[in-house]
Amino acid sequence: MTEKIGKVFTFYSFKGGVGRSFAMSNIAVLLARWGFRVLAVDWDLEAPGLRHYFDSKIHHPLESGVVDLVDDFRAGLLVDRAIRLDDGLDFIPAGRDGDEYYSQVQAIDWARLYDDGFGEYLEQCRRQWTSQYHFVLLDSRTGISDVGGICTAHLPDRLVLLYTANVQSIRGAVNVAKLANAARDRLPLDRPRLSVVPVLSRFDTRDEYAQAEQWRETCLRETRELFDNWVDARVSADVMSRHLTIPYVSYWALGEQLAVNREETPTPDQISYALETIAAVLAHDLDRTVLLADNRDAFVTAIRTRNRAFAHAVRVSSPRQSKDLADELVDALRATGLSAERALSGDREMLANAADAAEHLCLLIDGEPTRWQEAEAELFLYRTAGQDRRVFVVLTASTDLAQLPGFLANLRYQRLGSAHRAEHVAKDVVDQLNKVFREVAGEVDLIGLLRRAGRATMRPALWGVAAELVRDISTAVKAGDDVRARELGADLAVLTRPRTHGYRVPAPADTRDAIEFAVRVLQTRSTSTT
């Protein structure tokens, strides 16, 4: 692994009893299950308990842990104290089993250690961890302490702040976040400002709903500013805080249990559903919050399937009367080296697994899409939102584009005919997957394309998609990514193509502003390169 690929996340709570270790252990298991390398570290030295969540995976007495880093420092050694729990999941406990551990903890003078250079030694440990793991999760002790300062100010890239619905827990946690940022400013290290993820934990809305909503408003009022430096401006703090809420479920409050091992496909009323959401927020590195607000399942799935191997690259879906044509297309795709399969409308198993059977979906539409094809495409688009997976639309010569539902008519399509046969379609599919685009009128002249988009009329819901494409074009141009800018431009051209059906409105003011900004970016770049 390359240097510093990982991030350090500290899980902190001002008060005990908020479910901090429960949340962190379950999230560690989820991230490892999703293909990341994860290191869980028990820094709650005065009251260690993280190991109890992993008891079934620990088969020998613990012999060392975090407290032994002190001896390693004094000996001038950099020792790997992690033990393997599972594929992708390692663990550094607080220390060894037995009474000797508590004597070790009580003998530590953290202030003197830092005076002697322990801070620089921890930096070496941190570099080692982040070079070996995608995620380093620290379970910090509660309250305000020297150990808490190490975990909240010195080591983390991000701070996950757990609190319950009472004033002491909320304000104490928020105050520690402020103190952590102030302390980071005094460190002789190049550390950016902490991004803080506030998580309302053990929140019970089952009985006293009205009172619970009042407390939710109180929690949001106290924590609102913590969202400002990482949540997209288009997403309200209220929406984000609801996604970052762990419900109270009495069953999981008893003992130390890994809920995610019992609820592998959770429903929204189960605690693992919330844990999945929070784990995905960390895995996205606090990015793509617009996708989370719009489509939580797609947000989680984009992470959960990131390393997934599909049985086929493309599934060709067709009505039964077009079986022979679909077989020609499958053969043409296979001839290019792509793995392809055919699915006929009415295949219930294929419909149930619309987003699972193949990486991409190709709809062969003859005359008009069948109800099965519409349902299949809708499910695929919904479940794969935010992923680099595509729907290819292929029309027969007799298909009327005006008969397609809006969500299909707005996709790029190909039409089969005497001059554009199955092998041509297959080549175009391969080109799109390889991000190779033919230079055609309108795709190269991004400025002209943007100005035409500003004069277009579309269904209101589509203008939000257009605005996102325009902003992404600006970002790509500023980054010098011409291929990406042209690809986005091609998508914008398809989206804003003139249509004669449906209710249409001009571009909203904010979209027009985004278009003008993108034009200025392009003009500035054109001037600077001539």
Protein backbone atom coordinates (compact mmCIF):
# COMPACT_ATOMS: atom_id res chain seq x y z
CA MET A 1 0.00 0.00 0.00
CA THR A 2 1.11 3.53 -0.68
CA GLU A 3 1.94 6.03 2.04
CA LYS A 4 -0.95 7.66 3.90
CA ILE A 5 -3.89 6.14 2.12
CA GLY A 6 -5.87 5.88 5.33
CA LYS A 7 -7.86 8.17 7.57
CA VAL A 8 -8.06 8.23 11.36
CA PHE A 9 -11.54 8.54 12.87
CA THR A 10 -11.95 9.03 16.61
CA PHE A 11 -15.23 7.97 18.23
CA TYR A 12 -15.79 10.22 21.23
CA SER A 13 -18.55 10.88 23.76
CA PHE A 14 -18.54 13.32 26.65
CA LYS A 15 -20.59 10.97 28.83
CA GLY A 16 -20.61 7.21 29.08
CA GLY A 17 -23.60 5.06 28.23
CA VAL A 18 -24.18 6.51 24.76
CA GLY A 19 -23.26 3.35 22.84
CA ARG A 20 -19.93 4.63 21.53
CA SER A 21 -18.06 1.30 21.62
CA PHE A 22 -21.13 -0.47 20.24
CA ALA A 23 -21.29 1.91 17.30
CA MET A 24 -17.57 1.81 16.56
CA SER A 25 -17.22 -1.98 16.73
CA ASN A 26 -20.20 -2.52 14.44
CA ILE A 27 -19.00 0.12 11.97
CA ALA A 28 -15.53 -1.47 11.95
CA VAL A 29 -17.09 -4.82 11.02
CA LEU A 30 -19.17 -3.21 8.25
CA LEU A 31 -16.21 -1.39 6.69
CA ALA A 32 -14.15 -4.59 6.70
CA ARG A 33 -17.07 -6.49 5.17
CA TRP A 34 -17.22 -3.90 2.40
CA GLY A 35 -13.64 -4.59 1.40
CA PHE A 36 -11.67 -1.99 3.38
CA ARG A 37 -8.72 -2.69 5.64
CA VAL A 38 -9.68 -1.53 9.13
CA LEU A 39 -7.77 -1.12 12.39
CA ALA A 40 -9.84 -0.74 15.57
CA VAL A 41 -7.92 0.70 18.54
CA ASP A 42 -9.15 0.74 22.16
CA TRP A 43 -7.89 4.03 23.59
CA ASP A 44 -10.35 4.00 26.51
CA LEU A 45 -7.54 2.95 28.80
CA GLU A 46 -9.32 3.55 32.13
CA ALA A 47 -12.38 1.50 31.16
CA PRO A 48 -11.45 -0.71 28.19
CA GLY A 49 -14.30 -2.73 26.77
CA LEU A 50 -14.00 -2.82 23.00
CA ARG A 51 -12.48 -6.30 23.10
CA HIS A 52 -15.75 -7.76 24.45
CA TYR A 53 -17.46 -7.02 21.12
CA PHE A 54 -14.77 -9.11 19.44
CA ASP A 55 -14.54 -11.93 22.01
CA SER A 56 -15.72 -14.54 19.51
CA LYS A 57 -12.80 -13.58 17.24
CA ILE A 58 -10.11 -13.51 19.96
CA HIS A 59 -8.83 -17.02 20.60
CA HIS A 60 -5.87 -16.34 22.88
CA PRO A 61 -5.27 -14.15 25.98
CA LEU A 62 -4.35 -10.59 25.09
CA GLU A 63 -0.64 -10.01 25.62
CA SER A 64 -0.17 -6.33 24.75
CA GLY A 65 -1.92 -3.21 23.52
CA VAL A 66 -1.97 0.58 23.52
CA VAL A 67 -0.30 0.95 26.93
CA ASP A 68 2.71 -0.95 25.62
CA LEU A 69 3.36 1.84 23.13
CA VAL A 70 4.91 3.68 26.10
CA ASP A 71 7.51 0.97 26.60
CA ASP A 72 8.09 0.78 22.85
CA PHE A 73 8.73 4.52 22.80
CA ARG A 74 11.23 4.33 25.65
CA ALA A 75 12.99 1.44 23.92
CA GLY A 76 13.10 3.28 20.61
CA LEU A 77 11.03 0.57 18.88
CA LEU A 78 8.11 0.72 16.48
CA VAL A 79 6.22 -2.50 17.23
CA ASP A 80 3.10 -3.73 15.42
CA ARG A 81 0.68 -4.44 18.30
CA ALA A 82 -2.31 -5.32 16.09
CA ILE A 83 -3.95 -8.74 16.16
CA ARG A 84 -5.96 -10.15 13.24
CA LEU A 85 -9.69 -10.59 13.96
CA ASP A 86 -11.06 -11.19 10.48
CA ASP A 87 -10.23 -10.62 6.84
CA GLY A 88 -9.64 -6.89 6.67
CA LEU A 89 -10.17 -6.23 10.40
CA ASP A 90 -7.32 -5.88 12.93
CA PHE A 91 -7.47 -4.82 16.56
CA ILE A 92 -5.16 -3.17 19.07
CA PRO A 93 -6.63 -3.68 22.55
CA ALA A 94 -6.00 -1.35 25.46
CA GLY A 95 -3.52 -3.81 26.95
CA ARG A 96 -2.90 -7.31 28.18
CA ASP A 97 -5.34 -9.40 30.20
CA GLY A 98 -4.81 -9.42 33.98
CA ASP A 99 -4.33 -7.05 36.92
CA GLU A 100 -0.89 -5.93 35.74
CA TYR A 101 -2.59 -3.85 33.08
CA TYR A 102 -4.11 -1.41 35.58
CA SER A 103 -0.72 -0.84 37.21
CA GLN A 104 0.67 0.02 33.79
CA VAL A 105 -2.06 2.58 33.17
CA GLN A 106 -1.72 4.24 36.58
CA ALA A 107 2.04 4.60 36.13
CA ILE A 108 1.75 6.63 32.90
CA ASP A 109 2.55 10.34 33.14
CA TRP A 110 1.26 11.64 29.82
CA ALA A 111 2.55 15.20 30.29
CA ARG A 112 6.11 14.01 30.92
CA LEU A 113 5.89 11.58 28.01
CA TYR A 114 4.98 14.41 25.64
CA ASP A 115 7.81 16.50 27.04
CA ASP A 116 10.13 13.59 26.21
CA GLY A 117 8.93 13.39 22.60
CA PHE A 118 6.07 10.88 22.77
CA GLY A 119 4.06 13.06 20.39
CA GLU A 120 6.62 12.52 17.62
CA TYR A 121 6.56 8.79 18.35
CA LEU A 122 2.77 8.71 18.00
CA GLU A 123 3.19 10.41 14.63
CA GLN A 124 5.36 7.48 13.55
CA CYS A 125 2.67 5.05 14.75
CA ARG A 126 0.04 7.06 12.90
CA ARG A 127 2.02 7.00 9.66
CA GLN A 128 2.47 3.25 9.98
CA TRP A 129 -1.25 2.69 10.59
CA THR A 130 -2.46 4.93 7.78
CA SER A 131 -0.05 3.29 5.33
CA GLN A 132 -1.48 -0.14 6.13
CA TYR A 133 -5.20 0.53 6.65
CA HIS A 134 -7.95 2.45 4.89
CA PHE A 135 -9.58 3.26 8.24
CA VAL A 136 -8.10 3.58 11.71
CA LEU A 137 -10.93 3.81 14.27
CA LEU A 138 -10.06 5.01 17.78
CA ASP A 139 -12.41 4.36 20.71
CA SER A 140 -11.65 7.30 23.01
CA ARG A 141 -12.39 7.61 26.71
CA THR A 142 -15.13 9.96 27.89
CA GLY A 143 -14.80 13.37 29.49
CA ILE A 144 -11.83 15.71 29.28
CA SER A 145 -8.46 14.04 29.84
CA ASP A 146 -4.94 13.68 28.48
CA VAL A 147 -5.89 10.48 26.67
CA GLY A 148 -8.99 12.19 25.32
CA GLY A 149 -6.80 14.99 23.98
CA ILE A 150 -4.58 12.50 22.13
CA CYS A 151 -7.63 10.94 20.50
CA THR A 152 -9.60 14.12 19.75
CA ALA A 153 -6.86 16.61 18.88
CA HIS A 154 -3.59 14.91 17.99
CA LEU A 155 -4.39 11.73 16.05
CA PRO A 156 -7.67 12.05 14.13
CA ASP A 157 -8.55 13.30 10.67
CA ARG A 158 -12.24 13.19 11.55
CA LEU A 159 -14.12 13.20 14.85
CA VAL A 160 -17.30 11.13 15.28
CA LEU A 161 -19.13 12.75 18.17
CA LEU A 162 -21.75 10.58 19.87
CA TYR A 163 -24.24 12.10 22.29
CA THR A 164 -27.66 11.39 23.74
CA ALA A 165 -30.69 13.65 24.06
CA ASN A 166 -29.76 15.52 27.21
CA VAL A 167 -28.16 18.92 27.58
CA GLN A 168 -25.07 17.76 29.46
CA SER A 169 -24.23 15.14 26.85
CA ILE A 170 -24.82 17.47 23.89
CA ARG A 171 -23.06 20.58 25.16
CA GLY A 172 -20.19 18.61 26.67
CA ALA A 173 -19.52 16.84 23.38
CA VAL A 174 -19.78 20.03 21.29
CA ASN A 175 -17.46 21.86 23.69
CA VAL A 176 -14.85 19.10 23.42
CA ALA A 177 -15.01 19.38 19.62
CA LYS A 178 -14.25 23.10 19.91
CA LEU A 179 -11.42 22.44 22.38
CA ALA A 180 -9.98 19.79 20.03
CA ASN A 181 -9.77 22.26 17.15
CA ALA A 182 -8.18 24.88 19.41
CA ALA A 183 -5.64 22.30 20.59
CA ARG A 184 -4.83 21.28 17.00
CA ASP A 185 -3.96 24.87 16.21
CA ARG A 186 -1.26 24.70 18.89
CA LEU A 187 0.24 21.43 17.65
CA PRO A 188 3.56 21.64 15.76
CA LEU A 189 1.94 19.57 13.00
CA ASP A 190 0.30 20.27 9.67
CA ARG A 191 -3.27 19.29 10.57
CA PRO A 192 -6.35 20.80 8.89
CA ARG A 193 -9.38 21.77 10.92
CA LEU A 194 -11.30 18.78 12.24
CA SER A 195 -14.47 17.77 10.48
CA VAL A 196 -16.94 16.62 13.12
CA VAL A 197 -19.72 14.08 12.53
CA PRO A 198 -22.36 14.50 15.25
CA VAL A 199 -24.31 11.30 15.91
CA LEU A 200 -27.44 11.30 18.07
CA SER A 201 -27.36 7.93 19.78
CA ARG A 202 -29.89 5.77 21.61
CA PHE A 203 -32.72 8.02 20.49
CA ASP A 204 -36.16 6.64 21.29
CA THR A 205 -39.12 7.91 19.23
CA ARG A 206 -41.49 4.99 19.76
CA ASP A 207 -43.68 6.27 22.60
CA GLU A 208 -43.31 10.02 23.14
CA TYR A 209 -43.01 11.13 19.53
CA ALA A 210 -43.87 14.81 20.14
CA GLN A 211 -41.35 15.08 22.96
CA ALA A 212 -38.76 13.25 20.89
CA GLU A 213 -39.19 15.77 18.06
CA GLN A 214 -38.69 18.63 20.52
CA TRP A 215 -35.46 17.04 21.67
CA ARG A 216 -34.40 16.48 18.08
CA GLU A 217 -34.83 20.22 17.47
CA THR A 218 -32.74 20.95 20.58
CA CYS A 219 -29.98 18.59 19.42
CA LEU A 220 -29.96 20.15 15.97
CA ARG A 221 -29.80 23.68 17.37
CA GLU A 222 -26.78 22.78 19.52
CA THR A 223 -24.90 20.85 16.81
CA ARG A 224 -25.90 22.70 13.63
CA GLU A 225 -22.56 24.48 13.15
CA LEU A 226 -20.72 21.14 13.12
CA PHE A 227 -22.28 20.31 9.75
CA ASP A 228 -21.15 23.51 8.05
CA ASN A 229 -17.69 22.48 6.83
CA TRP A 230 -18.59 19.13 5.29
CA VAL A 231 -22.29 18.86 4.39
CA ASP A 232 -23.22 20.12 0.91
CA ALA A 233 -25.02 23.46 1.07
CA ARG A 234 -27.97 21.92 -0.77
CA VAL A 235 -28.57 19.47 2.09
CA SER A 236 -30.22 20.74 5.26
CA ALA A 237 -28.67 19.99 8.64
CA ASP A 238 -32.01 18.55 9.72
CA VAL A 239 -31.99 15.95 6.94
CA MET A 240 -28.38 15.01 7.65
CA SER A 241 -28.94 14.77 11.42
CA ARG A 242 -31.80 12.32 10.86
CA HIS A 243 -29.49 10.10 8.83
CA LEU A 244 -26.95 10.33 11.65
CA THR A 245 -29.28 9.04 14.36
CA ILE A 246 -28.91 5.64 16.00
CA PRO A 247 -32.25 4.50 17.44
CA TYR A 248 -32.64 3.01 20.88
CA VAL A 249 -33.36 -0.72 20.65
CA SER A 250 -33.43 -2.34 24.08
CA TYR A 251 -32.28 -5.73 22.76
CA TRP A 252 -28.93 -4.31 21.65
CA ALA A 253 -28.45 -2.46 24.96
CA LEU A 254 -27.93 -5.79 26.72
CA GLY A 255 -24.37 -7.10 26.62
CA GLU A 256 -21.77 -6.47 23.94
CA GLN A 257 -23.22 -7.56 20.60
CA LEU A 258 -22.46 -7.05 16.93
CA ALA A 259 -25.86 -6.19 15.51
CA VAL A 260 -24.57 -6.07 11.95
CA ASN A 261 -23.76 -9.78 12.09
CA ARG A 262 -27.39 -10.55 12.92
CA GLU A 263 -28.98 -7.97 10.60
CA GLU A 264 -27.00 -8.32 7.38
CA THR A 265 -29.82 -6.89 5.20
CA PRO A 266 -31.48 -4.49 7.65
CA THR A 267 -34.79 -2.71 7.22
CA PRO A 268 -35.18 0.98 8.16
CA ASP A 269 -36.56 0.13 11.61
CA GLN A 270 -33.50 -1.92 12.58
CA ILE A 271 -30.43 -0.49 14.29
CA SER A 272 -28.02 -1.85 11.65
CA TYR A 273 -29.73 0.32 9.03
CA ALA A 274 -28.51 3.44 10.87
CA LEU A 275 -25.09 1.89 11.44
CA GLU A 276 -24.77 1.18 7.71
CA THR A 277 -25.63 4.79 6.92
CA ILE A 278 -22.99 6.17 9.28
CA ALA A 279 -20.38 3.68 8.06
CA ALA A 280 -21.09 4.77 4.48
CA VAL A 281 -20.71 8.45 5.47
CA LEU A 282 -17.22 7.62 6.78
CA ALA A 283 -16.41 5.47 3.74
CA HIS A 284 -17.39 8.32 1.40
CA ASP A 285 -15.08 10.50 3.56
CA LEU A 286 -18.00 12.82 4.39
CA ASP A 287 -18.60 13.47 0.67
CA ARG A 288 -21.60 12.95 -1.65
CA THR A 289 -24.10 14.10 0.96
CA VAL A 290 -26.50 15.16 -1.79
CA LEU A 291 -26.75 11.53 -2.87
CA LEU A 292 -27.38 10.49 0.75
CA ALA A 293 -30.19 13.03 1.07
CA ASP A 294 -31.76 11.95 -2.23
CA ASN A 295 -31.26 8.19 -2.10
CA ARG A 296 -29.88 6.64 1.06
CA ASP A 297 -29.90 3.09 -0.31
CA ALA A 298 -27.88 4.07 -3.37
CA PHE A 299 -25.44 6.00 -1.14
CA VAL A 300 -24.78 2.87 0.94
CA THR A 301 -24.77 0.51 -2.03
CA ALA A 302 -22.16 2.62 -3.83
CA ILE A 303 -19.76 1.73 -1.02
CA ARG A 304 -20.97 -1.76 -0.28
CA THR A 305 -20.47 -2.94 -3.88
CA ARG A 306 -17.27 -1.01 -4.65
CA ASN A 307 -15.15 -4.17 -4.83
CA ARG A 308 -17.85 -6.44 -6.12
CA ALA A 309 -17.17 -8.88 -8.97
CA PHE A 310 -20.14 -9.27 -11.35
CA ALA A 311 -20.96 -12.42 -13.25
CA HIS A 312 -21.45 -10.40 -16.44
CA ALA A 313 -20.43 -6.98 -17.72
CA VAL A 314 -23.71 -6.35 -19.60
CA ARG A 315 -27.19 -7.80 -19.39
CA VAL A 316 -29.31 -7.34 -22.54
CA SER A 317 -32.99 -7.04 -21.69
CA SER A 318 -35.48 -7.50 -24.52
CA PRO A 319 -39.11 -8.39 -25.18
CA ARG A 320 -39.71 -11.99 -26.20
CA GLN A 321 -40.51 -11.08 -29.80
CA SER A 322 -36.98 -9.62 -30.14
CA LYS A 323 -35.17 -12.68 -28.78
CA ASP A 324 -33.21 -13.29 -32.00
CA LEU A 325 -32.10 -9.66 -32.22
CA ALA A 326 -31.09 -9.74 -28.54
CA ASP A 327 -29.02 -12.87 -29.19
CA GLU A 328 -27.25 -11.05 -32.06
CA LEU A 329 -26.43 -8.18 -29.71
CA VAL A 330 -25.17 -10.53 -26.99
CA ASP A 331 -22.93 -12.30 -29.53
CA ALA A 332 -21.61 -8.94 -30.78
CA LEU A 333 -20.82 -7.81 -27.23
CA ARG A 334 -19.04 -11.09 -26.50
CA ALA A 335 -17.03 -10.67 -29.70
CA THR A 336 -15.59 -7.43 -28.25
CA GLY A 337 -14.45 -9.32 -25.13
CA LEU A 338 -17.32 -8.26 -22.86
CA SER A 339 -19.16 -10.86 -20.83
CA ALA A 340 -22.85 -10.56 -21.73
CA GLU A 341 -26.12 -12.36 -21.04
CA ARG A 342 -29.70 -12.07 -22.30
CA ALA A 343 -32.79 -11.56 -20.14
CA LEU A 344 -36.34 -11.69 -21.45
CA SER A 345 -39.22 -9.56 -20.19
CA GLY A 346 -41.28 -11.48 -17.66
CA ASP A 347 -38.32 -13.15 -15.97
CA ARG A 348 -39.24 -12.49 -12.34
CA GLU A 349 -35.88 -13.62 -10.99
CA MET A 350 -34.06 -11.13 -13.22
CA LEU A 351 -36.43 -8.35 -12.17
CA ALA A 352 -35.88 -9.08 -8.46
CA ASN A 353 -32.12 -8.86 -9.04
CA ALA A 354 -32.20 -5.89 -11.40
CA ALA A 355 -29.03 -4.33 -10.01
CA ASP A 356 -27.20 -7.52 -9.13
CA ALA A 357 -26.93 -9.81 -12.15
CA ALA A 358 -24.61 -7.67 -14.28
CA GLU A 359 -22.59 -4.48 -13.96
CA HIS A 360 -24.44 -2.67 -16.75
CA LEU A 361 -27.91 -2.93 -18.29
CA CYS A 362 -28.70 -2.73 -22.02
CA LEU A 363 -32.37 -2.23 -22.90
CA LEU A 364 -33.31 -3.42 -26.37
CA ILE A 365 -36.64 -1.66 -27.03
CA ASP A 366 -38.83 -2.82 -29.89
CA GLY A 367 -41.75 -0.48 -30.55
CA GLU A 368 -42.15 0.54 -26.91
CA PRO A 369 -40.64 -0.72 -23.65
CA THR A 370 -42.51 -3.50 -21.90
CA ARG A 371 -43.70 -2.91 -18.36
CA TRP A 372 -40.99 -5.33 -17.26
CA GLN A 373 -38.30 -3.32 -18.97
CA GLU A 374 -39.55 -0.08 -17.41
CA ALA A 375 -39.59 -1.66 -13.95
CA GLU A 376 -36.20 -3.26 -14.53
CA ALA A 377 -34.62 0.02 -15.65
CA GLU A 378 -36.19 2.01 -12.81
CA LEU A 379 -34.95 -0.48 -10.22
CA PHE A 380 -31.48 -0.53 -11.78
CA LEU A 381 -31.21 3.27 -11.89
CA TYR A 382 -32.50 3.63 -8.33
CA ARG A 383 -30.24 0.99 -6.83
CA THR A 384 -27.11 2.04 -8.71
CA ALA A 385 -27.38 5.82 -8.35
CA GLY A 386 -23.96 7.24 -7.56
CA GLN A 387 -22.12 4.24 -9.03
CA ASP A 388 -20.22 4.05 -12.31
CA ARG A 389 -22.80 1.69 -13.81
CA ARG A 390 -24.79 2.44 -16.94
CA VAL A 391 -28.03 1.85 -18.78
CA PHE A 392 -27.60 1.60 -22.55
CA VAL A 393 -30.75 2.17 -24.58
CA VAL A 394 -30.96 0.49 -28.00
CA LEU A 395 -34.01 1.17 -30.19
CA THR A 396 -35.22 -0.83 -33.16
CA ALA A 397 -36.10 1.05 -36.36
CA SER A 398 -39.83 0.94 -35.52
CA THR A 399 -39.48 2.46 -32.03
CA ASP A 400 -40.91 5.94 -31.54
CA LEU A 401 -38.75 7.92 -29.11
CA ALA A 402 -41.79 9.94 -28.06
CA GLN A 403 -43.35 6.76 -26.62
CA LEU A 404 -40.53 6.27 -24.11
CA PRO A 405 -41.10 7.31 -20.49
CA GLY A 406 -39.17 10.41 -19.51
CA PHE A 407 -36.47 8.66 -17.50
CA LEU A 408 -35.56 6.55 -20.57
CA ALA A 409 -36.04 9.26 -23.20
CA ASN A 410 -33.45 11.36 -21.37
CA LEU A 411 -30.76 8.69 -21.69
CA ARG A 412 -28.34 8.50 -24.59
CA TYR A 413 -29.60 5.94 -27.12
CA GLN A 414 -28.65 4.11 -30.30
CA ARG A 415 -30.99 3.05 -33.09
CA LEU A 416 -30.53 -0.22 -34.95
CA GLY A 417 -30.85 -0.14 -38.72
CA SER A 418 -29.28 -1.28 -41.96
CA ALA A 419 -26.30 1.01 -41.45
CA HIS A 420 -26.04 0.57 -37.68
CA ARG A 421 -26.08 -3.11 -36.83
CA ALA A 422 -25.47 -5.10 -33.63
CA GLU A 423 -21.67 -4.98 -34.03
CA HIS A 424 -21.80 -1.17 -34.26
CA VAL A 425 -23.91 -0.99 -31.11
CA ALA A 426 -21.47 -3.29 -29.33
CA LYS A 427 -18.49 -1.14 -30.34
CA ASP A 428 -20.25 2.00 -29.10
CA VAL A 429 -20.99 0.31 -25.77
CA VAL A 430 -17.33 -0.59 -25.40
CA ASP A 431 -16.30 2.96 -26.31
CA GLN A 432 -18.63 4.40 -23.68
CA LEU A 433 -17.35 2.01 -21.01
CA ASN A 434 -13.79 2.97 -21.95
CA LYS A 435 -14.81 6.65 -21.96
CA VAL A 436 -13.98 7.03 -25.66
CA PHE A 437 -16.33 9.48 -27.36
CA ARG A 438 -16.51 10.33 -31.01
CA GLU A 439 -16.07 14.00 -31.78
CA VAL A 440 -19.42 15.14 -33.12
CA ALA A 441 -20.93 18.55 -33.49
CA GLY A 442 -22.00 19.99 -30.15
CA GLU A 443 -19.73 17.80 -27.98
CA VAL A 444 -16.52 19.78 -28.51
CA ASP A 445 -18.00 23.28 -28.33
CA LEU A 446 -18.81 23.23 -24.61
CA ILE A 447 -19.47 26.97 -24.48
CA GLY A 448 -22.05 26.72 -27.25
CA LEU A 449 -23.56 23.64 -25.65
CA LEU A 450 -23.91 25.38 -22.28
CA ARG A 451 -25.55 28.41 -23.84
CA ARG A 452 -28.02 26.19 -25.68
CA ALA A 453 -28.75 24.40 -22.42
CA GLY A 454 -29.52 27.76 -20.82
CA ARG A 455 -32.18 28.38 -23.49
CA ALA A 456 -33.71 24.90 -23.23
CA THR A 457 -37.02 23.96 -21.61
CA MET A 458 -37.45 20.75 -19.61
CA ARG A 459 -39.51 19.11 -16.94
CA PRO A 460 -38.82 20.89 -13.60
CA ALA A 461 -37.33 17.80 -11.97
CA LEU A 462 -34.67 17.51 -14.68
CA TRP A 463 -33.22 20.96 -14.09
CA GLY A 464 -31.64 19.76 -10.85
CA VAL A 465 -29.80 17.05 -12.82
CA ALA A 466 -28.74 19.64 -15.41
CA ALA A 467 -27.39 21.96 -12.71
CA GLU A 468 -25.33 19.11 -11.27
CA LEU A 469 -23.87 18.32 -14.70
CA VAL A 470 -23.00 21.99 -15.26
CA ARG A 471 -21.21 22.22 -11.91
CA ASP A 472 -19.32 19.01 -12.66
CA ILE A 473 -18.27 20.41 -16.05
CA SER A 474 -16.83 23.47 -14.29
CA THR A 475 -14.93 21.25 -11.87
CA ALA A 476 -13.56 19.06 -14.67
CA VAL A 477 -12.44 22.07 -16.72
CA LYS A 478 -10.69 23.66 -13.75
CA ALA A 479 -8.95 20.33 -13.09
CA GLY A 480 -7.84 20.14 -16.73
CA ASP A 481 -9.78 16.90 -17.26
CA ASP A 482 -10.90 17.44 -20.87
CA VAL A 483 -12.13 13.87 -21.34
CA ARG A 484 -14.38 14.12 -18.30
CA ALA A 485 -15.65 17.57 -19.35
CA ARG A 486 -16.58 16.29 -22.82
CA GLU A 487 -18.24 13.22 -21.35
CA LEU A 488 -20.36 15.42 -19.08
CA GLY A 489 -21.08 17.73 -21.99
CA ALA A 490 -22.37 14.80 -24.02
CA ASP A 491 -24.68 13.86 -21.15
CA LEU A 492 -25.91 17.45 -20.88
CA ALA A 493 -26.58 17.54 -24.62
CA VAL A 494 -28.73 14.42 -24.36
CA LEU A 495 -30.55 15.70 -21.29
CA THR A 496 -31.44 19.07 -22.86
CA ARG A 497 -32.33 17.70 -26.29
CA PRO A 498 -35.58 19.31 -27.58
CA ARG A 499 -38.70 17.26 -26.93
CA THR A 500 -42.30 17.67 -27.89
CA HIS A 501 -43.98 15.85 -25.02
CA GLY A 502 -44.47 16.64 -21.35
CA TYR A 503 -44.70 19.79 -19.22
CA ARG A 504 -41.56 21.92 -19.64
CA VAL A 505 -40.19 25.06 -17.99
CA PRO A 506 -37.14 27.31 -18.63
CA ALA A 507 -33.97 26.99 -16.57
CA PRO A 508 -34.30 28.19 -12.95
CA ALA A 509 -32.24 31.20 -11.90
CA ASP A 510 -29.67 29.16 -9.95
CA THR A 511 -29.10 26.87 -12.95
CA ARG A 512 -28.64 29.87 -15.26
CA ASP A 513 -26.10 31.26 -12.80
CA ALA A 514 -24.24 27.92 -12.79
CA ILE A 515 -24.22 27.91 -16.61
CA GLU A 516 -22.83 31.45 -16.78
CA PHE A 517 -20.14 30.55 -14.25
CA ALA A 518 -19.17 27.47 -16.29
CA VAL A 519 -18.99 29.59 -19.47
CA ARG A 520 -16.69 32.07 -17.69
CA VAL A 521 -14.47 29.20 -16.50
CA LEU A 522 -14.21 27.91 -20.07
CA GLN A 523 -13.53 31.38 -21.48
CA THR A 524 -10.86 32.04 -18.86
CA ARG A 525 -9.14 28.77 -19.62
CA SER A 526 -9.36 29.42 -23.38
CA THR A 527 -7.74 32.84 -22.89
CA SER A 528 -4.99 31.48 -20.64
CA THR A 529 -4.01 28.75 -23.10
CA THR A 530 -3.79 30.91 -26.25
